[in-house]
Amino acid sequence: MKKDTKSGLSIKQLIAIFPILIILATLTTQHDLYNMTKLNIHKDEITVAKEETEEINQEEVDTNEERKIATTSRTQKARTMNENSETEKEEIKQEIIKYKSLNEITISKKMDLTKRCDISKEDFKKLIGNVKQDKSKFFYKNSDTIYDLCQKYELNEIFFCGLIAGESGWNISTQHRKKNNYISMMSNGRMISYSSCEEGLEAAAKLLHNKYLTKGGAYYSGKTLKDVKKMFCPDVYDWTDLIYSCMEQIKNSI
């Protein structure tokens, strides 16, 4: 009887405990489901955040690419505008500079020696190349330098060449050639020496411009041959005729 009683109590206890176990099992399952749901939600949030980040990064890449393209486009546009501007400047320059033809050149004893011939360098070289008196070809060989110096120092090209021919001779005398001094520039009674032909030619052009043909210059008397003679070569009565005859020889070579 005791054994039966104990067994009965055990069964009753089991029956009483069973619902509790079921409740606990249900709660555990619900908790696990909650955790799984929460985990899935978290994963979804991470995925969404990742996708949003990738979209933002892609937008930044696209924006940077657009900026790069825009910058490149602006740079190319600016470069094109600059190139066009330079082309326009050159065209305007060519329109402004209306060179005379060789046949339009005029000279006179009363001409302004600071007024250039207004011919192109190519025509000047052609003119000098036709001068028969230039047998040594000194003038032709230095025609580029002479043309540029006349432009720089505002000298008439035919006058400058005529002055050199009158002072040094068409073939350039030995003394003038050795010293690279072509218009007889003197210092303390002696002819000045220069280290090169180019240096001597520039010294001559600079002296004429600064001292003889610019108002306020030390030897300025005017801008004609007669004016220059007063201080440049006052003791040679026919100096003006000598220089002008050399200028005529150049002019007549056209």
Protein backbone atom coordinates (compact mmCIF):
# COMPACT_ATOMS: atom_id res chain seq x y z
CA MET A 1 0.00 0.00 0.00
CA LYS A 2 2.75 2.40 0.74
CA LYS A 3 4.34 1.69 -2.58
CA ASP A 4 1.07 2.34 -4.39
CA THR A 5 0.61 5.61 -2.53
CA LYS A 6 4.04 6.83 -3.35
CA SER A 7 3.53 5.89 -7.01
CA GLY A 8 0.24 7.69 -7.03
CA LEU A 9 1.75 10.80 -5.62
CA SER A 10 4.49 10.67 -8.21
CA ILE A 11 2.02 10.49 -11.07
CA LYS A 12 0.02 13.38 -9.62
CA GLN A 13 3.15 15.37 -9.30
CA LEU A 14 4.05 14.63 -12.87
CA ILE A 15 0.61 15.66 -14.01
CA ALA A 16 0.95 18.88 -12.06
CA ILE A 17 4.44 19.61 -13.40
CA PHE A 18 3.67 18.79 -17.04
CA PRO A 19 1.71 22.00 -17.76
CA ILE A 20 4.52 24.00 -16.22
CA LEU A 21 7.00 22.26 -18.48
CA ILE A 22 4.82 23.02 -21.50
CA ILE A 23 4.62 26.68 -20.47
CA LEU A 24 8.37 26.88 -20.01
CA ALA A 25 8.94 25.21 -23.36
CA THR A 26 6.57 27.69 -25.02
CA LEU A 27 8.27 30.64 -23.40
CA THR A 28 11.68 29.36 -24.45
CA THR A 29 10.47 28.90 -28.02
CA GLN A 30 8.97 32.36 -28.08
CA HIS A 31 12.20 33.82 -26.70
CA ASP A 32 14.24 32.05 -29.33
CA LEU A 33 11.86 33.22 -32.03
CA TYR A 34 12.12 36.76 -30.69
CA ASN A 35 15.90 36.63 -30.69
CA MET A 36 15.93 35.22 -34.22
CA THR A 37 13.51 37.88 -35.37
CA LYS A 38 15.58 40.55 -33.70
CA LEU A 39 18.74 39.13 -35.29
CA ASN A 40 17.10 39.08 -38.69
CA ILE A 41 15.93 42.65 -38.21
CA HIS A 42 19.47 43.64 -37.24
CA LYS A 43 20.84 41.86 -40.28
CA ASP A 44 18.30 43.63 -42.44
CA GLU A 45 19.30 46.96 -40.91
CA ILE A 46 22.96 46.18 -41.58
CA THR A 47 22.15 45.21 -45.16
CA VAL A 48 20.10 48.36 -45.70
CA ALA A 49 22.83 50.50 -44.14
CA LYS A 50 25.42 48.81 -46.32
CA GLU A 51 23.33 49.35 -49.43
CA GLU A 52 22.76 52.99 -48.46
CA THR A 53 26.51 53.42 -47.88
CA GLU A 54 27.27 51.86 -51.25
CA GLU A 55 24.70 54.13 -52.87
CA ILE A 56 26.24 57.17 -51.16
CA ASN A 57 29.73 56.08 -52.20
CA GLN A 58 28.54 55.53 -55.75
CA GLU A 59 26.89 58.95 -55.71
CA GLU A 60 30.16 60.46 -54.52
CA VAL A 61 32.04 58.62 -57.27
CA ASP A 62 29.50 59.79 -59.84
CA THR A 63 29.67 63.34 -58.47
CA ASN A 64 33.48 63.33 -58.53
CA GLU A 65 33.43 61.94 -62.04
CA GLU A 66 30.98 64.63 -63.10
CA ARG A 67 33.20 67.27 -61.48
CA LYS A 68 36.24 65.81 -63.21
CA ILE A 69 34.45 65.83 -66.56
CA ALA A 70 33.18 69.36 -65.94
CA THR A 71 36.66 70.55 -64.90
CA THR A 72 38.24 68.89 -67.91
CA SER A 73 35.60 70.40 -70.12
CA ARG A 74 36.17 73.87 -68.65
CA THR A 75 39.94 73.45 -69.01
CA GLN A 76 39.61 72.36 -72.62
CA LYS A 77 37.19 75.21 -73.26
CA ALA A 78 39.55 77.71 -71.64
CA ARG A 79 42.47 76.32 -73.64
CA THR A 80 40.45 76.53 -76.84
CA MET A 81 39.38 80.09 -76.01
CA ASN A 82 43.00 81.02 -75.27
CA GLU A 83 44.18 79.48 -78.54
CA ASN A 84 41.43 81.28 -80.40
CA SER A 85 42.38 84.48 -78.61
CA GLU A 86 46.03 84.11 -79.67
CA THR A 87 44.92 83.42 -83.24
CA GLU A 88 42.69 86.48 -83.20
CA LYS A 89 45.53 88.58 -81.79
CA GLU A 90 47.82 87.44 -84.59
CA GLU A 91 45.14 88.16 -87.18
CA ILE A 92 44.55 91.60 -85.68
CA LYS A 93 48.30 92.23 -85.63
CA GLN A 94 48.57 91.30 -89.28
CA GLU A 95 45.64 93.56 -90.09
CA ILE A 96 47.18 96.47 -88.16
CA ILE A 97 50.61 96.12 -89.79
CA LYS A 98 50.09 97.04 -93.41
CA TYR A 99 53.48 96.60 -95.00
CA LYS A 100 54.39 98.66 -98.01
CA SER A 101 55.67 97.10 -101.17
CA LEU A 102 59.25 97.83 -102.28
CA ASN A 103 57.94 100.14 -105.00
CA GLU A 104 56.23 102.29 -102.37
CA ILE A 105 59.48 103.16 -100.56
CA THR A 106 60.38 106.84 -100.70
CA ILE A 107 63.46 108.70 -99.45
CA SER A 108 64.62 112.33 -99.38
CA LYS A 109 67.28 114.45 -97.74
CA LYS A 110 64.62 115.98 -95.53
CA MET A 111 63.06 112.68 -94.47
CA ASP A 112 62.50 111.79 -90.82
CA LEU A 113 65.26 109.29 -90.10
CA THR A 114 63.24 107.70 -87.29
CA LYS A 115 60.49 106.63 -89.71
CA ARG A 116 60.98 103.09 -90.91
CA CYS A 117 60.41 101.94 -94.46
CA ASP A 118 57.39 99.89 -93.31
CA ILE A 119 58.35 96.90 -95.41
CA SER A 120 58.50 93.28 -94.27
CA LYS A 121 61.76 91.65 -93.27
CA GLU A 122 61.52 89.39 -96.32
CA ASP A 123 61.26 92.41 -98.63
CA PHE A 124 64.11 94.15 -96.81
CA LYS A 125 66.35 91.12 -97.31
CA LYS A 126 65.33 91.03 -100.95
CA LEU A 127 66.14 94.74 -101.30
CA ILE A 128 69.57 94.43 -99.68
CA GLY A 129 70.30 91.27 -101.66
CA ASN A 130 69.89 93.31 -104.86
CA VAL A 131 72.44 95.98 -103.89
CA LYS A 132 75.28 95.48 -106.36
CA GLN A 133 77.69 97.59 -104.31
CA ASP A 134 77.49 95.04 -101.46
CA LYS A 135 80.10 92.79 -103.06
CA SER A 136 81.28 91.30 -99.76
CA LYS A 137 77.64 90.61 -98.82
CA PHE A 138 78.21 92.17 -95.41
CA PHE A 139 74.85 93.95 -95.51
CA TYR A 140 72.94 90.94 -96.78
CA LYS A 141 74.52 88.57 -94.23
CA ASN A 142 73.54 90.94 -91.43
CA SER A 143 70.18 92.00 -92.87
CA ASP A 144 68.18 90.18 -90.17
CA THR A 145 70.14 91.91 -87.41
CA ILE A 146 69.94 95.30 -89.12
CA TYR A 147 66.17 95.00 -89.64
CA ASP A 148 65.55 94.01 -86.01
CA LEU A 149 67.77 96.79 -84.66
CA CYS A 150 65.99 99.38 -86.78
CA GLN A 151 62.71 98.16 -85.36
CA LYS A 152 64.05 98.22 -81.80
CA TYR A 153 65.69 101.65 -82.02
CA GLU A 154 63.27 103.36 -84.44
CA LEU A 155 65.63 103.88 -87.35
CA ASN A 156 64.96 104.01 -91.06
CA GLU A 157 66.56 100.87 -92.51
CA ILE A 158 67.88 102.55 -95.66
CA PHE A 159 69.39 105.41 -93.63
CA PHE A 160 71.14 103.00 -91.24
CA CYS A 161 72.63 100.98 -94.10
CA GLY A 162 73.52 104.15 -96.00
CA LEU A 163 75.32 105.56 -92.94
CA ILE A 164 77.33 102.34 -92.52
CA ALA A 165 78.23 102.32 -96.23
CA GLY A 166 79.25 106.00 -96.09
CA GLU A 167 81.41 105.59 -92.97
CA SER A 168 82.91 102.13 -93.58
CA GLY A 169 82.60 101.71 -97.35
CA TRP A 170 80.41 99.10 -99.03
CA ASN A 171 83.04 96.42 -98.46
CA ILE A 172 83.72 97.60 -94.89
CA SER A 173 87.26 98.85 -94.46
CA THR A 174 89.77 96.72 -92.57
CA GLN A 175 89.90 99.06 -89.57
CA HIS A 176 86.13 99.16 -89.19
CA ARG A 177 85.83 95.42 -89.70
CA LYS A 178 88.49 94.54 -87.09
CA LYS A 179 86.94 96.77 -84.47
CA ASN A 180 83.34 95.87 -85.40
CA ASN A 181 82.74 99.61 -85.45
CA TYR A 182 80.79 100.55 -88.57
CA ILE A 183 79.89 104.22 -88.09
CA SER A 184 83.25 105.46 -86.75
CA MET A 185 82.24 105.80 -83.09
CA MET A 186 85.05 107.47 -81.17
CA SER A 187 86.18 107.81 -77.55
CA ASN A 188 89.07 110.05 -76.50
CA GLY A 189 90.12 110.44 -80.13
CA ARG A 190 90.28 106.69 -80.76
CA MET A 191 87.88 104.36 -82.51
CA ILE A 192 85.95 102.12 -80.10
CA SER A 193 86.30 98.34 -80.41
CA TYR A 194 83.44 95.84 -80.01
CA SER A 195 83.67 92.10 -79.48
CA SER A 196 81.34 91.05 -82.29
CA CYS A 197 79.59 92.30 -85.39
CA GLU A 198 76.20 92.15 -83.63
CA GLU A 199 77.50 94.14 -80.65
CA GLY A 200 78.97 96.80 -82.92
CA LEU A 201 75.80 97.14 -84.98
CA GLU A 202 73.65 97.45 -81.86
CA ALA A 203 76.00 100.01 -80.32
CA ALA A 204 75.65 102.10 -83.49
CA ALA A 205 71.85 101.85 -83.56
CA LYS A 206 71.57 102.63 -79.85
CA LEU A 207 73.89 105.66 -80.13
CA LEU A 208 71.91 107.11 -83.03
CA HIS A 209 68.59 106.62 -81.25
CA ASN A 210 69.61 107.82 -77.78
CA LYS A 211 72.00 110.67 -78.58
CA TYR A 212 71.17 111.99 -82.07
CA LEU A 213 67.54 111.23 -82.96
CA THR A 214 65.64 111.49 -79.67
CA LYS A 215 64.60 114.87 -78.35
CA GLY A 216 66.64 115.59 -75.24
CA GLY A 217 69.56 113.47 -76.43
CA ALA A 218 73.06 114.87 -75.94
CA TYR A 219 73.56 115.55 -79.66
CA TYR A 220 69.99 116.05 -80.79
CA SER A 221 69.40 118.81 -83.35
CA GLY A 222 66.55 117.30 -85.33
CA LYS A 223 65.64 114.18 -87.30
CA THR A 224 67.00 114.86 -90.79
CA LEU A 225 70.42 114.14 -92.32
CA LYS A 226 71.33 117.80 -92.09
CA ASP A 227 70.40 117.84 -88.40
CA VAL A 228 72.46 114.74 -87.60
CA LYS A 229 75.47 116.13 -89.50
CA LYS A 230 75.71 119.13 -87.18
CA MET A 231 77.03 117.00 -84.34
CA PHE A 232 77.91 113.69 -85.97
CA CYS A 233 80.28 114.94 -88.67
CA PRO A 234 80.37 118.78 -88.68
CA ASP A 235 83.77 119.11 -90.41
CA VAL A 236 82.97 117.19 -93.60
CA TYR A 237 80.97 119.57 -95.74
CA ASP A 238 79.64 116.94 -98.17
CA TRP A 239 78.80 114.31 -95.51
CA THR A 240 75.04 114.68 -96.10
CA ASP A 241 75.48 114.14 -99.84
CA LEU A 242 77.75 111.13 -99.21
CA ILE A 243 75.30 109.35 -96.95
CA TYR A 244 72.33 110.19 -99.13
CA SER A 245 74.07 108.90 -102.26
CA CYS A 246 74.56 105.54 -100.50
CA MET A 247 70.87 105.54 -99.54
CA GLU A 248 69.96 106.19 -103.20
CA GLN A 249 72.06 103.23 -104.31
CA ILE A 250 70.00 101.02 -102.02
CA LYS A 251 66.71 102.55 -103.17
CA ASN A 252 67.66 102.13 -106.81
CA SER A 253 68.25 98.41 -106.28
CA ILE A 254 64.49 97.79 -106.22
